[in-house]
Amino acid sequence: MPAWLQLRIPPLFAQDGEGHDVTAFVKWFGGPCTWLITEYDPHQRIAFGWCDLGLGTPELGYVSLDEVMSLRIPPIGARIERELCFTPRPLRDAIA
């Protein structure tokens, strides 16, 4: 995640209690998986947001940036990517 983007994302707990009105700042995707990141701690490299691993049970939760970046999508071993055209928007709109 580029440094300029890390500076725009609120720190962990900054949007706590706002439900689906929180702003999603980043979208990562690969295969059936999607992460919509709402908060980030650059020191711990931990993000919070909507996580959908393609199993039919998406949830809000914490995710390690290092773990996401180490994932490979079978069978070709594709990496997780950041959607470059994603613009910040309310989480409820980003999920739809």
C-alpha atoms as a PDB file:
ATOM      1  CA  MET A   1       0.000   0.000   0.000  1.00  0.00           C
ATOM      2  CA  PRO A   2       1.574   3.305  -1.032  1.00  0.00           C
ATOM      3  CA  ALA A   3       2.594   5.767   1.692  1.00  0.00           C
ATOM      4  CA  TRP A   4       0.259   8.501   0.381  1.00  0.00           C
ATOM      5  CA  LEU A   5      -2.693   6.135   0.743  1.00  0.00           C
ATOM      6  CA  GLN A   6      -1.691   5.056   4.244  1.00  0.00           C
ATOM      7  CA  LEU A   7      -1.832   8.718   5.285  1.00  0.00           C
ATOM      8  CA  ARG A   8      -5.441   9.076   4.041  1.00  0.00           C
ATOM      9  CA  ILE A   9      -6.873   6.041   5.831  1.00  0.00           C
ATOM     10  CA  PRO A  10      -8.060   6.735   9.379  1.00  0.00           C
ATOM     11  CA  PRO A  11      -6.316   4.904  12.235  1.00  0.00           C
ATOM     12  CA  LEU A  12      -7.908   1.841  13.830  1.00  0.00           C
ATOM     13  CA  PHE A  13     -11.081   2.640  15.832  1.00  0.00           C
ATOM     14  CA  ALA A  14     -11.435   6.117  14.243  1.00  0.00           C
ATOM     15  CA  GLN A  15     -14.778   5.190  12.641  1.00  0.00           C
ATOM     16  CA  ASP A  16     -15.911   2.891  15.452  1.00  0.00           C
ATOM     17  CA  GLY A  17     -19.669   2.779  15.933  1.00  0.00           C
ATOM     18  CA  GLU A  18     -20.577   4.178  12.509  1.00  0.00           C
ATOM     19  CA  GLY A  19     -21.758   0.826  11.133  1.00  0.00           C
ATOM     20  CA  HIS A  20     -22.134   0.705   7.348  1.00  0.00           C
ATOM     21  CA  ASP A  21     -21.815   4.516   7.206  1.00  0.00           C
ATOM     22  CA  VAL A  22     -18.027   4.230   7.611  1.00  0.00           C
ATOM     23  CA  THR A  23     -15.921   5.173   4.616  1.00  0.00           C
ATOM     24  CA  ALA A  24     -14.118   2.443   2.698  1.00  0.00           C
ATOM     25  CA  PHE A  25     -10.797   3.808   1.409  1.00  0.00           C
ATOM     26  CA  VAL A  26      -9.183   0.789  -0.253  1.00  0.00           C
ATOM     27  CA  LYS A  27     -10.377  -2.267  -2.156  1.00  0.00           C
ATOM     28  CA  TRP A  28      -8.173  -5.357  -2.398  1.00  0.00           C
ATOM     29  CA  PHE A  29      -9.326  -8.289  -4.501  1.00  0.00           C
ATOM     30  CA  GLY A  30      -8.226 -11.583  -5.958  1.00  0.00           C
ATOM     31  CA  GLY A  31     -10.185 -14.646  -7.092  1.00  0.00           C
ATOM     32  CA  PRO A  32     -13.348 -14.851  -4.981  1.00  0.00           C
ATOM     33  CA  CYS A  33     -11.891 -12.632  -2.214  1.00  0.00           C
ATOM     34  CA  THR A  34     -12.584  -8.951  -1.563  1.00  0.00           C
ATOM     35  CA  TRP A  35     -11.488  -6.650   1.247  1.00  0.00           C
ATOM     36  CA  LEU A  36     -12.877  -3.126   1.689  1.00  0.00           C
ATOM     37  CA  ILE A  37     -10.542  -1.344   4.089  1.00  0.00           C
ATOM     38  CA  THR A  38     -11.903   1.386   6.369  1.00  0.00           C
ATOM     39  CA  GLU A  39      -9.050   1.836   8.880  1.00  0.00           C
ATOM     40  CA  TYR A  40      -5.352   1.028   9.009  1.00  0.00           C
ATOM     41  CA  ASP A  41      -2.433   0.969  11.464  1.00  0.00           C
ATOM     42  CA  PRO A  42       0.793   1.434   9.466  1.00  0.00           C
ATOM     43  CA  HIS A  43       3.031   0.437  12.394  1.00  0.00           C
ATOM     44  CA  GLN A  44       1.373  -2.941  12.978  1.00  0.00           C
ATOM     45  CA  ARG A  45       0.345  -3.248   9.290  1.00  0.00           C
ATOM     46  CA  ILE A  46      -3.159  -4.236  10.437  1.00  0.00           C
ATOM     47  CA  ALA A  47      -6.280  -3.110   8.607  1.00  0.00           C
ATOM     48  CA  PHE A  48      -9.961  -3.207   9.528  1.00  0.00           C
ATOM     49  CA  GLY A  49     -12.831  -3.521   7.117  1.00  0.00           C
ATOM     50  CA  TRP A  50     -15.309  -5.737   5.284  1.00  0.00           C
ATOM     51  CA  CYS A  51     -13.761  -9.092   4.415  1.00  0.00           C
ATOM     52  CA  ASP A  52     -15.343 -11.488   1.938  1.00  0.00           C
ATOM     53  CA  LEU A  53     -13.359 -14.653   1.309  1.00  0.00           C
ATOM     54  CA  GLY A  54     -15.932 -15.953  -1.163  1.00  0.00           C
ATOM     55  CA  LEU A  55     -17.420 -18.477   1.277  1.00  0.00           C
ATOM     56  CA  GLY A  56     -20.809 -16.777   1.586  1.00  0.00           C
ATOM     57  CA  THR A  57     -20.154 -15.286   5.029  1.00  0.00           C
ATOM     58  CA  PRO A  58     -18.550 -11.830   4.674  1.00  0.00           C
ATOM     59  CA  GLU A  59     -17.824 -10.011   7.923  1.00  0.00           C
ATOM     60  CA  LEU A  60     -16.206  -6.953   9.420  1.00  0.00           C
ATOM     61  CA  GLY A  61     -12.836  -7.758  10.911  1.00  0.00           C
ATOM     62  CA  TYR A  62      -9.109  -7.216  11.174  1.00  0.00           C
ATOM     63  CA  VAL A  63      -6.634  -8.394   8.568  1.00  0.00           C
ATOM     64  CA  SER A  64      -2.864  -8.370   8.361  1.00  0.00           C
ATOM     65  CA  LEU A  65      -1.568  -6.536   5.298  1.00  0.00           C
ATOM     66  CA  ASP A  66       1.398  -8.924   5.207  1.00  0.00           C
ATOM     67  CA  GLU A  67      -0.881 -11.980   5.179  1.00  0.00           C
ATOM     68  CA  VAL A  68      -3.083 -10.572   2.419  1.00  0.00           C
ATOM     69  CA  MET A  69      -0.063  -9.684   0.290  1.00  0.00           C
ATOM     70  CA  SER A  70       1.383 -13.191   0.737  1.00  0.00           C
ATOM     71  CA  LEU A  71      -1.765 -14.917  -0.599  1.00  0.00           C
ATOM     72  CA  ARG A  72      -1.725 -16.585  -4.008  1.00  0.00           C
ATOM     73  CA  ILE A  73      -4.896 -17.483  -5.901  1.00  0.00           C
ATOM     74  CA  PRO A  74      -4.835 -21.019  -7.357  1.00  0.00           C
ATOM     75  CA  PRO A  75      -4.409 -22.450  -9.886  1.00  0.00           C
ATOM     76  CA  ILE A  76      -2.182 -19.792 -11.482  1.00  0.00           C
ATOM     77  CA  GLY A  77      -0.796 -18.223  -8.302  1.00  0.00           C
ATOM     78  CA  ALA A  78      -2.184 -14.734  -8.950  1.00  0.00           C
ATOM     79  CA  ARG A  79      -1.573 -12.164  -6.227  1.00  0.00           C
ATOM     80  CA  ILE A  80      -4.059  -9.989  -4.385  1.00  0.00           C
ATOM     81  CA  GLU A  81      -4.349  -6.585  -6.058  1.00  0.00           C
ATOM     82  CA  ARG A  82      -5.468  -3.122  -5.032  1.00  0.00           C
ATOM     83  CA  GLU A  83      -8.207  -1.701  -7.252  1.00  0.00           C
ATOM     84  CA  LEU A  84      -6.493   1.412  -8.562  1.00  0.00           C
ATOM     85  CA  CYS A  85      -9.732   3.093  -9.684  1.00  0.00           C
ATOM     86  CA  PHE A  86     -11.487   2.652  -6.329  1.00  0.00           C
ATOM     87  CA  THR A  87     -12.648   5.949  -4.839  1.00  0.00           C
ATOM     88  CA  PRO A  88     -13.512   6.321  -1.149  1.00  0.00           C
ATOM     89  CA  ARG A  89     -17.215   5.837  -0.499  1.00  0.00           C
ATOM     90  CA  PRO A  90     -19.558   4.679   2.276  1.00  0.00           C
ATOM     91  CA  LEU A  91     -19.083   0.996   3.002  1.00  0.00           C
ATOM     92  CA  ARG A  92     -22.777   0.303   2.330  1.00  0.00           C
ATOM     93  CA  ASP A  93     -22.304   1.631  -1.240  1.00  0.00           C
ATOM     94  CA  ALA A  94     -19.011  -0.189  -1.791  1.00  0.00           C
ATOM     95  CA  ILE A  95     -20.529  -3.549  -0.812  1.00  0.00           C
ATOM     96  CA  ALA A  96     -23.488  -3.172  -3.183  1.00  0.00           C
END
